[in-house]
Amino acid sequence: MCVALENRMPATVQDLAAQAIALAPEDRARLADLLLASLPQEDEADFDVAWEQEIQRRVASIETGTAKLITSAEVHARAQKIIDR
């Protein structure tokens, strides 16, 4: 944890962070998931709307034939070229 951040955290938060860091990796991941899930989800509604609009745009472009579809083999080949660079 960054020292600058530690200096601004209340002692209780510092103690909790130290205890959390001492946990096994699986337990830290589980704790992180719980903490993230406890945060307000206000922005997620906007995110969901934006994704729904993007999905509809993509489906429409496929249905109208304006989207250029490629096979998974082509995707893998392009990815391999990028990796090989």
PDB file of N, CA and C in Angstrom:
ATOM      1  N   MET A   1       0.850  -1.177   0.000  1.00  0.00           N
ATOM      2  CA  MET A   1       0.000   0.000   0.000  1.00  0.00           C
ATOM      3  C   MET A   1       0.888   1.230   0.000  1.00  0.00           C
ATOM      4  N   CYS A   2       0.505   2.239  -0.704  1.00  0.00           N
ATOM      5  CA  CYS A   2       1.287   3.458  -0.828  1.00  0.00           C
ATOM      6  C   CYS A   2       1.375   4.173   0.514  1.00  0.00           C
ATOM      7  N   VAL A   3       2.574   4.622   0.895  1.00  0.00           N
ATOM      8  CA  VAL A   3       2.774   5.287   2.177  1.00  0.00           C
ATOM      9  C   VAL A   3       1.941   6.559   2.260  1.00  0.00           C
ATOM     10  N   ALA A   4       1.859   7.309   1.163  1.00  0.00           N
ATOM     11  CA  ALA A   4       1.074   8.547   1.162  1.00  0.00           C
ATOM     12  C   ALA A   4      -0.386   8.265   1.502  1.00  0.00           C
ATOM     13  N   LEU A   5      -0.921   7.169   0.994  1.00  0.00           N
ATOM     14  CA  LEU A   5      -2.303   6.820   1.302  1.00  0.00           C
ATOM     15  C   LEU A   5      -2.434   6.381   2.757  1.00  0.00           C
ATOM     16  N   GLU A   6      -1.454   5.616   3.243  1.00  0.00           N
ATOM     17  CA  GLU A   6      -1.521   5.150   4.626  1.00  0.00           C
ATOM     18  C   GLU A   6      -1.564   6.315   5.594  1.00  0.00           C
ATOM     19  N   ASN A   7      -0.846   7.395   5.289  1.00  0.00           N
ATOM     20  CA  ASN A   7      -0.814   8.550   6.183  1.00  0.00           C
ATOM     21  C   ASN A   7      -2.158   9.250   6.252  1.00  0.00           C
ATOM     22  N   ARG A   8      -2.997   9.070   5.242  1.00  0.00           N
ATOM     23  CA  ARG A   8      -4.293   9.737   5.220  1.00  0.00           C
ATOM     24  C   ARG A   8      -5.420   8.841   5.726  1.00  0.00           C
ATOM     25  N   MET A   9      -5.147   7.569   5.929  1.00  0.00           N
ATOM     26  CA  MET A   9      -6.181   6.644   6.392  1.00  0.00           C
ATOM     27  C   MET A   9      -6.289   6.671   7.909  1.00  0.00           C
ATOM     28  N   PRO A  10      -7.524   6.581   8.416  1.00  0.00           N
ATOM     29  CA  PRO A  10      -7.683   6.451   9.861  1.00  0.00           C
ATOM     30  C   PRO A  10      -7.016   5.167  10.342  1.00  0.00           C
ATOM     31  N   ALA A  11      -6.601   5.161  11.608  1.00  0.00           N
ATOM     32  CA  ALA A  11      -5.897   4.003  12.174  1.00  0.00           C
ATOM     33  C   ALA A  11      -6.706   2.721  12.017  1.00  0.00           C
ATOM     34  N   THR A  12      -8.020   2.805  12.173  1.00  0.00           N
ATOM     35  CA  THR A  12      -8.858   1.619  12.045  1.00  0.00           C
ATOM     36  C   THR A  12      -8.764   1.032  10.645  1.00  0.00           C
ATOM     37  N   VAL A  13      -8.778   1.879   9.633  1.00  0.00           N
ATOM     38  CA  VAL A  13      -8.688   1.416   8.256  1.00  0.00           C
ATOM     39  C   VAL A  13      -7.303   0.815   8.022  1.00  0.00           C
ATOM     40  N   GLN A  14      -6.263   1.438   8.571  1.00  0.00           N
ATOM     41  CA  GLN A  14      -4.908   0.899   8.442  1.00  0.00           C
ATOM     42  C   GLN A  14      -4.825  -0.493   9.063  1.00  0.00           C
ATOM     43  N   ASP A  15      -5.438  -0.651  10.242  1.00  0.00           N
ATOM     44  CA  ASP A  15      -5.429  -1.953  10.915  1.00  0.00           C
ATOM     45  C   ASP A  15      -6.174  -2.995  10.074  1.00  0.00           C
ATOM     46  N   LEU A  16      -7.335  -2.623   9.568  1.00  0.00           N
ATOM     47  CA  LEU A  16      -8.102  -3.547   8.735  1.00  0.00           C
ATOM     48  C   LEU A  16      -7.332  -3.918   7.465  1.00  0.00           C
ATOM     49  N   ALA A  17      -6.687  -2.931   6.861  1.00  0.00           N
ATOM     50  CA  ALA A  17      -5.915  -3.195   5.651  1.00  0.00           C
ATOM     51  C   ALA A  17      -4.769  -4.157   5.952  1.00  0.00           C
ATOM     52  N   ALA A  18      -4.088  -3.946   7.050  1.00  0.00           N
ATOM     53  CA  ALA A  18      -2.984  -4.838   7.426  1.00  0.00           C
ATOM     54  C   ALA A  18      -3.491  -6.259   7.653  1.00  0.00           C
ATOM     55  N   GLN A  19      -4.643  -6.379   8.307  1.00  0.00           N
ATOM     56  CA  GLN A  19      -5.225  -7.708   8.537  1.00  0.00           C
ATOM     57  C   GLN A  19      -5.640  -8.346   7.208  1.00  0.00           C
ATOM     58  N   ALA A  20      -6.207  -7.551   6.330  1.00  0.00           N
ATOM     59  CA  ALA A  20      -6.659  -8.077   5.038  1.00  0.00           C
ATOM     60  C   ALA A  20      -5.474  -8.547   4.205  1.00  0.00           C
ATOM     61  N   ILE A  21      -4.402  -7.785   4.202  1.00  0.00           N
ATOM     62  CA  ILE A  21      -3.216  -8.143   3.420  1.00  0.00           C
ATOM     63  C   ILE A  21      -2.597  -9.437   3.938  1.00  0.00           C
ATOM     64  N   ALA A  22      -2.766  -9.720   5.221  1.00  0.00           N
ATOM     65  CA  ALA A  22      -2.210 -10.938   5.805  1.00  0.00           C
ATOM     66  C   ALA A  22      -3.026 -12.186   5.451  1.00  0.00           C
ATOM     67  N   LEU A  23      -4.206 -12.009   4.892  1.00  0.00           N
ATOM     68  CA  LEU A  23      -5.053 -13.148   4.535  1.00  0.00           C
ATOM     69  C   LEU A  23      -4.467 -13.924   3.359  1.00  0.00           C
ATOM     70  N   ALA A  24      -4.922 -15.144   3.216  1.00  0.00           N
ATOM     71  CA  ALA A  24      -4.557 -15.957   2.058  1.00  0.00           C
ATOM     72  C   ALA A  24      -5.124 -15.293   0.800  1.00  0.00           C
ATOM     73  N   PRO A  25      -4.490 -15.485  -0.351  1.00  0.00           N
ATOM     74  CA  PRO A  25      -4.965 -14.837  -1.585  1.00  0.00           C
ATOM     75  C   PRO A  25      -6.445 -15.067  -1.884  1.00  0.00           C
ATOM     76  N   GLU A  26      -6.936 -16.301  -1.671  1.00  0.00           N
ATOM     77  CA  GLU A  26      -8.359 -16.572  -1.946  1.00  0.00           C
ATOM     78  C   GLU A  26      -9.261 -15.753  -1.037  1.00  0.00           C
ATOM     79  N   ASP A  27      -8.863 -15.624   0.231  1.00  0.00           N
ATOM     80  CA  ASP A  27      -9.663 -14.851   1.186  1.00  0.00           C
ATOM     81  C   ASP A  27      -9.607 -13.366   0.870  1.00  0.00           C
ATOM     82  N   ARG A  28      -8.447 -12.868   0.421  1.00  0.00           N
ATOM     83  CA  ARG A  28      -8.345 -11.452   0.029  1.00  0.00           C
ATOM     84  C   ARG A  28      -9.250 -11.179  -1.165  1.00  0.00           C
ATOM     85  N   ALA A  29      -9.264 -12.108  -2.122  1.00  0.00           N
ATOM     86  CA  ALA A  29     -10.122 -11.938  -3.298  1.00  0.00           C
ATOM     87  C   ALA A  29     -11.585 -11.924  -2.883  1.00  0.00           C
ATOM     88  N   ARG A  30     -11.959 -12.834  -2.001  1.00  0.00           N
ATOM     89  CA  ARG A  30     -13.350 -12.893  -1.529  1.00  0.00           C
ATOM     90  C   ARG A  30     -13.719 -11.595  -0.802  1.00  0.00           C
ATOM     91  N   LEU A  31     -12.802 -11.090   0.045  1.00  0.00           N
ATOM     92  CA  LEU A  31     -13.042  -9.839   0.762  1.00  0.00           C
ATOM     93  C   LEU A  31     -13.162  -8.672  -0.215  1.00  0.00           C
ATOM     94  N   ALA A  32     -12.296  -8.642  -1.219  1.00  0.00           N
ATOM     95  CA  ALA A  32     -12.360  -7.578  -2.225  1.00  0.00           C
ATOM     96  C   ALA A  32     -13.701  -7.598  -2.949  1.00  0.00           C
ATOM     97  N   ASP A  33     -14.173  -8.789  -3.314  1.00  0.00           N
ATOM     98  CA  ASP A  33     -15.484  -8.910  -3.968  1.00  0.00           C
ATOM     99  C   ASP A  33     -16.591  -8.385  -3.070  1.00  0.00           C
ATOM    100  N   LEU A  34     -16.545  -8.744  -1.795  1.00  0.00           N
ATOM    101  CA  LEU A  34     -17.571  -8.279  -0.848  1.00  0.00           C
ATOM    102  C   LEU A  34     -17.541  -6.765  -0.710  1.00  0.00           C
ATOM    103  N   LEU A  35     -16.349  -6.202  -0.602  1.00  0.00           N
ATOM    104  CA  LEU A  35     -16.236  -4.747  -0.457  1.00  0.00           C
ATOM    105  C   LEU A  35     -16.723  -4.029  -1.709  1.00  0.00           C
ATOM    106  N   LEU A  36     -16.334  -4.521  -2.875  1.00  0.00           N
ATOM    107  CA  LEU A  36     -16.793  -3.896  -4.123  1.00  0.00           C
ATOM    108  C   LEU A  36     -18.305  -3.998  -4.274  1.00  0.00           C
ATOM    109  N   ALA A  37     -18.861  -5.134  -3.900  1.00  0.00           N
ATOM    110  CA  ALA A  37     -20.317  -5.316  -3.998  1.00  0.00           C
ATOM    111  C   ALA A  37     -21.063  -4.392  -3.055  1.00  0.00           C
ATOM    112  N   SER A  38     -20.392  -3.942  -1.992  1.00  0.00           N
ATOM    113  CA  SER A  38     -21.066  -3.080  -1.015  1.00  0.00           C
ATOM    114  C   SER A  38     -21.099  -1.612  -1.439  1.00  0.00           C
ATOM    115  N   LEU A  39     -20.350  -1.266  -2.490  1.00  0.00           N
ATOM    116  CA  LEU A  39     -20.323   0.126  -2.948  1.00  0.00           C
ATOM    117  C   LEU A  39     -21.601   0.462  -3.709  1.00  0.00           C
ATOM    118  N   PRO A  40     -21.986   1.736  -3.705  1.00  0.00           N
ATOM    119  CA  PRO A  40     -23.186   2.138  -4.453  1.00  0.00           C
ATOM    120  C   PRO A  40     -23.043   1.793  -5.933  1.00  0.00           C
ATOM    121  N   GLN A  41     -24.129   1.378  -6.531  1.00  0.00           N
ATOM    122  CA  GLN A  41     -24.125   0.924  -7.917  1.00  0.00           C
ATOM    123  C   GLN A  41     -24.803   1.926  -8.848  1.00  0.00           C
ATOM    124  N   GLU A  42     -24.804   3.202  -8.511  1.00  0.00           N
ATOM    125  CA  GLU A  42     -25.525   4.211  -9.284  1.00  0.00           C
ATOM    126  C   GLU A  42     -25.091   4.260 -10.743  1.00  0.00           C
ATOM    127  N   ASP A  43     -23.803   4.222 -10.997  1.00  0.00           N
ATOM    128  CA  ASP A  43     -23.297   4.349 -12.359  1.00  0.00           C
ATOM    129  C   ASP A  43     -23.561   3.095 -13.183  1.00  0.00           C
ATOM    130  N   GLU A  44     -23.831   1.981 -12.526  1.00  0.00           N
ATOM    131  CA  GLU A  44     -24.024   0.729 -13.254  1.00  0.00           C
ATOM    132  C   GLU A  44     -25.268   0.785 -14.144  1.00  0.00           C
ATOM    133  N   ALA A  45     -26.284   1.512 -13.738  1.00  0.00           N
ATOM    134  CA  ALA A  45     -27.491   1.629 -14.566  1.00  0.00           C
ATOM    135  C   ALA A  45     -27.151   2.301 -15.888  1.00  0.00           C
ATOM    136  N   ASP A  46     -26.347   3.368 -15.843  1.00  0.00           N
ATOM    137  CA  ASP A  46     -25.921   4.039 -17.071  1.00  0.00           C
ATOM    138  C   ASP A  46     -25.089   3.095 -17.926  1.00  0.00           C
ATOM    139  N   PHE A  47     -24.244   2.316 -17.280  1.00  0.00           N
ATOM    140  CA  PHE A  47     -23.400   1.348 -17.966  1.00  0.00           C
ATOM    141  C   PHE A  47     -24.263   0.312 -18.665  1.00  0.00           C
ATOM    142  N   ASP A  48     -25.270  -0.203 -17.970  1.00  0.00           N
ATOM    143  CA  ASP A  48     -26.166  -1.204 -18.549  1.00  0.00           C
ATOM    144  C   ASP A  48     -26.913  -0.645 -19.765  1.00  0.00           C
ATOM    145  N   VAL A  49     -27.374   0.587 -19.667  1.00  0.00           N
ATOM    146  CA  VAL A  49     -28.084   1.223 -20.780  1.00  0.00           C
ATOM    147  C   VAL A  49     -27.144   1.376 -21.972  1.00  0.00           C
ATOM    148  N   ALA A  50     -25.927   1.818 -21.713  1.00  0.00           N
ATOM    149  CA  ALA A  50     -24.960   2.005 -22.793  1.00  0.00           C
ATOM    150  C   ALA A  50     -24.643   0.675 -23.474  1.00  0.00           C
ATOM    151  N   TRP A  51     -24.480  -0.395 -22.688  1.00  0.00           N
ATOM    152  CA  TRP A  51     -24.203  -1.702 -23.288  1.00  0.00           C
ATOM    153  C   TRP A  51     -25.397  -2.210 -24.082  1.00  0.00           C
ATOM    154  N   GLU A  52     -26.591  -1.991 -23.590  1.00  0.00           N
ATOM    155  CA  GLU A  52     -27.785  -2.418 -24.322  1.00  0.00           C
ATOM    156  C   GLU A  52     -27.856  -1.704 -25.668  1.00  0.00           C
ATOM    157  N   GLN A  53     -27.552  -0.407 -25.671  1.00  0.00           N
ATOM    158  CA  GLN A  53     -27.552   0.343 -26.926  1.00  0.00           C
ATOM    159  C   GLN A  53     -26.482  -0.176 -27.878  1.00  0.00           C
ATOM    160  N   GLU A  54     -25.306  -0.490 -27.337  1.00  0.00           N
ATOM    161  CA  GLU A  54     -24.216  -1.014 -28.177  1.00  0.00           C
ATOM    162  C   GLU A  54     -24.585  -2.376 -28.748  1.00  0.00           C
ATOM    163  N   ILE A  55     -25.208  -3.214 -27.946  1.00  0.00           N
ATOM    164  CA  ILE A  55     -25.638  -4.532 -28.427  1.00  0.00           C
ATOM    165  C   ILE A  55     -26.647  -4.376 -29.556  1.00  0.00           C
ATOM    166  N   GLN A  56     -27.616  -3.487 -29.370  1.00  0.00           N
ATOM    167  CA  GLN A  56     -28.615  -3.261 -30.411  1.00  0.00           C
ATOM    168  C   GLN A  56     -27.977  -2.729 -31.686  1.00  0.00           C
ATOM    169  N   ARG A  57     -26.994  -1.826 -31.550  1.00  0.00           N
ATOM    170  CA  ARG A  57     -26.289  -1.282 -32.713  1.00  0.00           C
ATOM    171  C   ARG A  57     -25.563  -2.397 -33.462  1.00  0.00           C
ATOM    172  N   ARG A  58     -24.887  -3.273 -32.707  1.00  0.00           N
ATOM    173  CA  ARG A  58     -24.133  -4.360 -33.342  1.00  0.00           C
ATOM    174  C   ARG A  58     -25.060  -5.367 -34.023  1.00  0.00           C
ATOM    175  N   VAL A  59     -26.161  -5.710 -33.373  1.00  0.00           N
ATOM    176  CA  VAL A  59     -27.121  -6.650 -33.976  1.00  0.00           C
ATOM    177  C   VAL A  59     -27.686  -6.051 -35.253  1.00  0.00           C
ATOM    178  N   ALA A  60     -28.027  -4.772 -35.208  1.00  0.00           N
ATOM    179  CA  ALA A  60     -28.578  -4.111 -36.392  1.00  0.00           C
ATOM    180  C   ALA A  60     -27.567  -4.114 -37.537  1.00  0.00           C
ATOM    181  N   SER A  61     -26.298  -3.885 -37.237  1.00  0.00           N
ATOM    182  CA  SER A  61     -25.296  -3.866 -38.307  1.00  0.00           C
ATOM    183  C   SER A  61     -25.097  -5.262 -38.897  1.00  0.00           C
ATOM    184  N   ILE A  62     -25.273  -6.289 -38.094  1.00  0.00           N
ATOM    185  CA  ILE A  62     -25.193  -7.667 -38.618  1.00  0.00           C
ATOM    186  C   ILE A  62     -26.414  -7.952 -39.491  1.00  0.00           C
ATOM    187  N   GLU A  63     -27.589  -7.578 -38.992  1.00  0.00           N
ATOM    188  CA  GLU A  63     -28.828  -7.861 -39.734  1.00  0.00           C
ATOM    189  C   GLU A  63     -28.901  -7.111 -41.049  1.00  0.00           C
ATOM    190  N   THR A  64     -28.348  -5.898 -41.104  1.00  0.00           N
ATOM    191  CA  THR A  64     -28.385  -5.124 -42.348  1.00  0.00           C
ATOM    192  C   THR A  64     -27.224  -5.462 -43.277  1.00  0.00           C
ATOM    193  N   GLY A  65     -26.295  -6.260 -42.789  1.00  0.00           N
ATOM    194  CA  GLY A  65     -25.157  -6.652 -43.608  1.00  0.00           C
ATOM    195  C   GLY A  65     -24.032  -5.642 -43.652  1.00  0.00           C
ATOM    196  N   THR A  66     -24.091  -4.622 -42.826  1.00  0.00           N
ATOM    197  CA  THR A  66     -23.024  -3.614 -42.826  1.00  0.00           C
ATOM    198  C   THR A  66     -21.828  -4.024 -41.970  1.00  0.00           C
ATOM    199  N   ALA A  67     -22.013  -5.013 -41.129  1.00  0.00           N
ATOM    200  CA  ALA A  67     -20.903  -5.507 -40.310  1.00  0.00           C
ATOM    201  C   ALA A  67     -20.104  -6.521 -41.101  1.00  0.00           C
ATOM    202  N   LYS A  68     -18.777  -6.458 -40.966  1.00  0.00           N
ATOM    203  CA  LYS A  68     -17.923  -7.444 -41.630  1.00  0.00           C
ATOM    204  C   LYS A  68     -17.610  -8.519 -40.600  1.00  0.00           C
ATOM    205  N   LEU A  69     -18.183  -9.695 -40.784  1.00  0.00           N
ATOM    206  CA  LEU A  69     -17.964 -10.795 -39.854  1.00  0.00           C
ATOM    207  C   LEU A  69     -16.769 -11.612 -40.302  1.00  0.00           C
ATOM    208  N   ILE A  70     -15.989 -12.083 -39.322  1.00  0.00           N
ATOM    209  CA  ILE A  70     -14.850 -12.936 -39.627  1.00  0.00           C
ATOM    210  C   ILE A  70     -14.930 -14.193 -38.768  1.00  0.00           C
ATOM    211  N   THR A  71     -14.277 -15.230 -39.234  1.00  0.00           N
ATOM    212  CA  THR A  71     -14.315 -16.505 -38.516  1.00  0.00           C
ATOM    213  C   THR A  71     -13.405 -16.450 -37.293  1.00  0.00           C
ATOM    214  N   SER A  72     -13.636 -17.383 -36.401  1.00  0.00           N
ATOM    215  CA  SER A  72     -12.774 -17.452 -35.221  1.00  0.00           C
ATOM    216  C   SER A  72     -11.341 -17.789 -35.623  1.00  0.00           C
ATOM    217  N   ALA A  73     -11.177 -18.569 -36.688  1.00  0.00           N
ATOM    218  CA  ALA A  73      -9.834 -18.895 -37.171  1.00  0.00           C
ATOM    219  C   ALA A  73      -9.087 -17.626 -37.580  1.00  0.00           C
ATOM    220  N   GLU A  74      -9.793 -16.692 -38.230  1.00  0.00           N
ATOM    221  CA  GLU A  74      -9.180 -15.424 -38.620  1.00  0.00           C
ATOM    222  C   GLU A  74      -8.839 -14.581 -37.395  1.00  0.00           C
ATOM    223  N   VAL A  75      -9.701 -14.578 -36.412  1.00  0.00           N
ATOM    224  CA  VAL A  75      -9.428 -13.846 -35.166  1.00  0.00           C
ATOM    225  C   VAL A  75      -8.160 -14.394 -34.523  1.00  0.00           C
ATOM    226  N   HIS A  76      -8.056 -15.719 -34.449  1.00  0.00           N
ATOM    227  CA  HIS A  76      -6.882 -16.349 -33.845  1.00  0.00           C
ATOM    228  C   HIS A  76      -5.614 -16.043 -34.642  1.00  0.00           C
ATOM    229  N   ALA A  77      -5.730 -16.066 -35.959  1.00  0.00           N
ATOM    230  CA  ALA A  77      -4.577 -15.774 -36.814  1.00  0.00           C
ATOM    231  C   ALA A  77      -4.098 -14.341 -36.616  1.00  0.00           C
ATOM    232  N   ARG A  78      -5.047 -13.412 -36.549  1.00  0.00           N
ATOM    233  CA  ARG A  78      -4.679 -11.996 -36.319  1.00  0.00           C
ATOM    234  C   ARG A  78      -4.055 -11.818 -34.946  1.00  0.00           C
ATOM    235  N   ALA A  79      -4.621 -12.466 -33.955  1.00  0.00           N
ATOM    236  CA  ALA A  79      -4.081 -12.376 -32.592  1.00  0.00           C
ATOM    237  C   ALA A  79      -2.656 -12.936 -32.550  1.00  0.00           C
ATOM    238  N   GLN A  80      -2.436 -14.046 -33.239  1.00  0.00           N
ATOM    239  CA  GLN A  80      -1.108 -14.661 -33.262  1.00  0.00           C
ATOM    240  C   GLN A  80      -0.100 -13.727 -33.911  1.00  0.00           C
ATOM    241  N   LYS A  81      -0.501 -13.027 -34.970  1.00  0.00           N
ATOM    242  CA  LYS A  81       0.400 -12.071 -35.624  1.00  0.00           C
ATOM    243  C   LYS A  81       0.798 -10.958 -34.650  1.00  0.00           C
ATOM    244  N   ILE A  82      -0.153 -10.502 -33.854  1.00  0.00           N
ATOM    245  CA  ILE A  82       0.133  -9.457 -32.868  1.00  0.00           C
ATOM    246  C   ILE A  82       1.095  -9.989 -31.811  1.00  0.00           C
ATOM    247  N   ILE A  83       0.874 -11.193 -31.354  1.00  0.00           N
ATOM    248  CA  ILE A  83       1.728 -11.807 -30.328  1.00  0.00           C
ATOM    249  C   ILE A  83       3.140 -12.002 -30.854  1.00  0.00           C
ATOM    250  N   ASP A  84       3.265 -12.393 -32.123  1.00  0.00           N
ATOM    251  CA  ASP A  84       4.566 -12.686 -32.711  1.00  0.00           C
ATOM    252  C   ASP A  84       5.409 -11.444 -32.991  1.00  0.00           C
ATOM    253  N   ARG A  85       4.820 -10.283 -32.935  1.00  0.00           N
ATOM    254  CA  ARG A  85       5.580  -9.048 -33.226  1.00  0.00           C
ATOM    255  C   ARG A  85       6.706  -8.865 -32.260  1.00  0.00           C
TER     256      ARG A  85
END
